[in-house]
Amino acid sequence: MSWILLTVAGLFEVCWALGLKYSHGFTRLGPSLFTVVTLALSMFLLAKATQSIPLGTAYAVWVGIGALGTALCGIMLLNEPLTFARLVFIALLLVSIVGLKVTG
């Protein structure tokens, strides 16, 4: 169950990172509220997950899911460039996250 909580926490991290972009520096109310709520949910679920997953592993997986998801959303939603090198490093993030899960 802790790994599910951690995964959802990572997905909420993607949400609040995207919310930062759409909030325009917290000048737009709706996206700003979305950012704050998803940030709080992400932190709460991360804290719950660390009750049974080692902190270093949980934090690295949480950040990895957030970085991976945010990079992919940037490419798909924000027209950020997709280069071969970027794709390789995104794949390495995925491998790292899976590796931490398998060894954790």
Protein backbone atom coordinates (compact mmCIF):
# COMPACT_ATOMS: atom_id res chain seq x y z
CA MET A 1 0.00 0.00 0.00
CA SER A 2 2.88 2.39 0.76
CA TRP A 3 4.19 2.07 -2.78
CA ILE A 4 0.78 2.98 -4.15
CA LEU A 5 0.68 6.04 -1.87
CA LEU A 6 4.17 6.98 -3.02
CA THR A 7 3.21 6.63 -6.68
CA VAL A 8 0.13 8.80 -6.21
CA ALA A 9 2.26 11.33 -4.30
CA GLY A 10 4.61 11.46 -7.30
CA LEU A 11 1.68 12.01 -9.65
CA PHE A 12 0.47 14.86 -7.46
CA GLU A 13 3.99 16.29 -7.70
CA VAL A 14 3.57 16.40 -11.47
CA CYS A 15 0.24 18.19 -10.96
CA TRP A 16 1.65 20.91 -8.73
CA ALA A 17 4.67 21.41 -10.97
CA LEU A 18 2.36 21.97 -13.93
CA GLY A 19 0.19 24.17 -11.74
CA LEU A 20 3.20 26.40 -11.14
CA LYS A 21 3.48 27.00 -14.86
CA TYR A 22 -0.22 27.77 -15.29
CA SER A 23 -0.42 29.96 -12.17
CA HIS A 24 1.92 32.53 -13.79
CA GLY A 25 3.81 33.17 -10.57
CA PHE A 26 0.70 32.73 -8.40
CA THR A 27 -1.08 35.60 -10.17
CA ARG A 28 -4.01 33.43 -11.34
CA LEU A 29 -6.30 32.22 -8.56
CA GLY A 30 -7.57 28.91 -9.98
CA PRO A 31 -4.21 27.45 -10.98
CA SER A 32 -2.65 28.82 -7.79
CA LEU A 33 -5.21 27.03 -5.62
CA PHE A 34 -4.73 23.85 -7.68
CA THR A 35 -0.98 24.10 -7.10
CA VAL A 36 -1.27 24.57 -3.33
CA VAL A 37 -3.81 21.74 -2.91
CA THR A 38 -1.87 19.25 -5.03
CA LEU A 39 1.37 20.22 -3.28
CA ALA A 40 -0.20 19.55 0.11
CA LEU A 41 -1.62 16.21 -1.06
CA SER A 42 1.72 15.20 -2.53
CA MET A 43 3.58 16.00 0.70
CA PHE A 44 0.95 14.26 2.86
CA LEU A 45 1.11 11.07 0.80
CA LEU A 46 4.91 11.17 0.74
CA ALA A 47 4.93 11.46 4.53
CA LYS A 48 2.53 8.50 4.81
CA ALA A 49 4.68 6.40 2.47
CA THR A 50 7.82 7.08 4.51
CA GLN A 51 6.24 5.35 7.48
CA SER A 52 7.17 2.03 5.89
CA ILE A 53 9.50 2.87 2.99
CA PRO A 54 13.01 4.13 3.82
CA LEU A 55 13.15 7.92 3.52
CA GLY A 56 15.99 8.01 0.98
CA THR A 57 14.26 5.53 -1.29
CA ALA A 58 10.84 7.17 -0.95
CA TYR A 59 12.19 10.65 -1.61
CA ALA A 60 14.24 9.55 -4.63
CA VAL A 61 11.27 7.70 -6.16
CA TRP A 62 8.94 10.65 -5.44
CA VAL A 63 11.32 13.12 -7.08
CA GLY A 64 11.92 10.71 -9.96
CA ILE A 65 8.22 10.25 -10.69
CA GLY A 66 7.77 14.02 -10.49
CA ALA A 67 10.70 14.74 -12.79
CA LEU A 68 9.74 12.04 -15.27
CA GLY A 69 6.08 13.02 -15.36
CA THR A 70 6.79 16.73 -15.53
CA ALA A 71 9.28 16.27 -18.37
CA LEU A 72 6.79 14.18 -20.34
CA CYS A 73 3.96 16.65 -19.70
CA GLY A 74 6.23 19.49 -20.76
CA ILE A 75 6.83 17.73 -24.05
CA MET A 76 3.18 16.79 -24.61
CA LEU A 77 1.39 19.85 -23.19
CA LEU A 78 3.84 22.72 -23.34
CA ASN A 79 5.54 21.98 -26.66
CA GLU A 80 8.95 21.55 -25.06
CA PRO A 81 11.52 20.00 -27.41
CA LEU A 82 11.88 16.24 -27.67
CA THR A 83 15.41 15.34 -28.61
CA PHE A 84 17.10 11.96 -28.68
CA ALA A 85 19.31 12.90 -25.73
CA ARG A 86 16.33 14.08 -23.70
CA LEU A 87 14.50 10.83 -24.43
CA VAL A 88 17.54 8.82 -23.30
CA PHE A 89 17.72 10.68 -20.00
CA ILE A 90 13.98 10.36 -19.41
CA ALA A 91 14.38 6.61 -19.97
CA LEU A 92 17.25 6.59 -17.45
CA LEU A 93 14.94 8.23 -14.90
CA LEU A 94 12.42 5.47 -15.46
CA VAL A 95 15.09 2.79 -15.06
CA SER A 96 16.27 4.45 -11.84
CA ILE A 97 12.78 4.58 -10.38
CA VAL A 98 12.13 0.92 -11.19
CA GLY A 99 15.57 0.01 -9.82
CA LEU A 100 14.83 1.71 -6.51
CA LYS A 101 11.51 -0.08 -6.26
CA VAL A 102 13.05 -3.47 -7.01
CA THR A 103 15.93 -3.01 -4.57
CA GLY A 104 13.84 -1.23 -1.91
